[in-house]
Amino acid sequence: MSAKRYQYLAGDQPNMVMRKRAEWMRSVDDQILEHLRDEGAGTPKSISNVLDKNNDYIGERCRTLTKYGLLNRPSRGFYLINDDGIAYLNEELDANELNPSES
């Protein structure tokens, strides 16, 4: 697994990324989405190992990102970034426009 760190200070992100984040989002959400974009898929444990964050917290954030439609969960504990997640990372989607799913 890659030892990349997805931690940027405001303004230090490559190409000065200015994503349209929503109030419900946390800074780690961008890191999770970037990791899944780069690695293809992951579990909260594999993501937490790379990001050096608590496994339970990463799991909670992955569930939230799934609820708002930025990730897919094809099986329990396994997450994939989807087209909306990639659009958000590419600054093509405003996360404020997303509504949580009922499930």
Protein backbone atom coordinates (compact mmCIF):
# COMPACT_ATOMS: atom_id res chain seq x y z
CA MET A 1 0.00 0.00 0.00
CA SER A 2 1.23 3.44 -0.83
CA ALA A 3 2.70 5.58 1.92
CA LYS A 4 1.22 8.74 0.42
CA ARG A 5 -0.08 11.34 2.82
CA TYR A 6 -3.21 13.20 1.81
CA GLN A 7 -2.77 16.13 4.14
CA TYR A 8 -2.63 19.62 2.72
CA LEU A 9 -2.75 23.02 4.28
CA ALA A 10 -5.25 25.45 2.80
CA GLY A 11 -3.75 26.79 -0.38
CA ASP A 12 -1.06 24.08 -0.52
CA GLN A 13 -3.09 21.59 -2.49
CA PRO A 14 -1.86 20.75 -5.97
CA ASN A 15 -3.16 23.22 -8.56
CA MET A 16 -4.80 25.27 -5.76
CA VAL A 17 -7.85 23.02 -5.58
CA MET A 18 -10.90 24.93 -4.37
CA ARG A 19 -13.55 22.29 -3.86
CA LYS A 20 -17.12 23.16 -2.96
CA ARG A 21 -17.44 21.51 0.45
CA ALA A 22 -20.63 21.16 2.46
CA GLU A 23 -21.13 21.88 6.17
CA TRP A 24 -21.44 18.17 6.94
CA MET A 25 -17.99 17.47 5.48
CA ARG A 26 -14.74 17.17 7.43
CA SER A 27 -11.21 17.77 6.13
CA VAL A 28 -10.50 14.03 6.26
CA ASP A 29 -13.29 13.44 3.71
CA ASP A 30 -11.16 14.94 0.93
CA GLN A 31 -8.27 12.73 2.01
CA ILE A 32 -10.48 9.63 1.92
CA LEU A 33 -11.84 10.50 -1.52
CA GLU A 34 -8.35 11.23 -2.88
CA HIS A 35 -7.02 7.94 -1.52
CA LEU A 36 -9.87 5.93 -3.03
CA ARG A 37 -9.46 7.74 -6.36
CA ASP A 38 -5.76 6.87 -6.40
CA GLU A 39 -5.99 3.32 -5.03
CA GLY A 40 -9.32 2.24 -6.56
CA ALA A 41 -10.98 0.84 -3.45
CA GLY A 42 -10.44 0.28 0.23
CA THR A 43 -11.67 -0.62 3.66
CA PRO A 44 -11.73 1.76 6.62
CA LYS A 45 -8.77 -0.16 8.06
CA SER A 46 -6.66 0.16 4.90
CA ILE A 47 -7.56 3.84 4.56
CA SER A 48 -6.88 4.58 8.24
CA ASN A 49 -3.44 2.96 7.97
CA VAL A 50 -2.47 5.28 5.10
CA LEU A 51 -4.04 8.42 6.58
CA ASP A 52 -2.84 7.64 10.13
CA LYS A 53 -6.36 8.15 11.51
CA ASN A 54 -8.60 6.11 13.79
CA ASN A 55 -10.23 3.15 12.01
CA ASP A 56 -13.66 3.77 13.57
CA TYR A 57 -13.58 7.44 12.59
CA ILE A 58 -12.66 6.58 8.98
CA GLY A 59 -15.49 4.04 8.90
CA GLU A 60 -17.94 6.68 10.13
CA ARG A 61 -16.77 9.16 7.49
CA CYS A 62 -16.98 6.51 4.72
CA ARG A 63 -20.57 5.76 5.75
CA THR A 64 -21.36 9.49 5.64
CA LEU A 65 -19.75 9.89 2.22
CA THR A 66 -21.79 6.91 1.02
CA LYS A 67 -24.98 8.38 2.47
CA TYR A 68 -24.39 11.59 0.50
CA GLY A 69 -23.56 9.71 -2.71
CA LEU A 70 -19.81 10.29 -3.06
CA LEU A 71 -18.83 6.67 -2.39
CA ASN A 72 -20.34 3.28 -3.20
CA ARG A 73 -20.28 0.35 -0.80
CA PRO A 74 -20.57 -2.84 -2.91
CA SER A 75 -20.09 -5.03 0.16
CA ARG A 76 -19.89 -4.52 3.90
CA GLY A 77 -16.82 -2.53 4.86
CA PHE A 78 -15.58 -2.07 1.28
CA TYR A 79 -15.75 1.33 -0.41
CA LEU A 80 -15.26 2.65 -3.95
CA ILE A 81 -15.28 6.22 -5.17
CA ASN A 82 -18.03 6.87 -7.74
CA ASP A 83 -18.56 9.43 -10.51
CA ASP A 84 -19.97 12.03 -8.10
CA GLY A 85 -16.98 11.59 -5.80
CA ILE A 86 -14.62 12.14 -8.71
CA ALA A 87 -16.66 15.13 -9.91
CA TYR A 88 -16.37 16.64 -6.42
CA LEU A 89 -12.59 16.15 -6.42
CA ASN A 90 -12.40 17.74 -9.88
CA GLU A 91 -14.38 20.78 -8.64
CA GLU A 92 -17.29 19.89 -10.93
CA LEU A 93 -19.78 19.15 -8.14
CA ASP A 94 -20.91 21.33 -5.24
CA ALA A 95 -21.28 19.07 -2.19
CA ASN A 96 -23.87 21.51 -0.78
CA GLU A 97 -26.27 20.27 -3.47
CA LEU A 98 -26.13 16.67 -2.21
CA ASN A 99 -28.91 15.24 -0.07
CA PRO A 100 -28.51 12.24 2.24
CA SER A 101 -30.06 8.97 1.12
CA GLU A 102 -32.81 7.39 3.19
CA SER A 103 -30.98 4.09 3.71
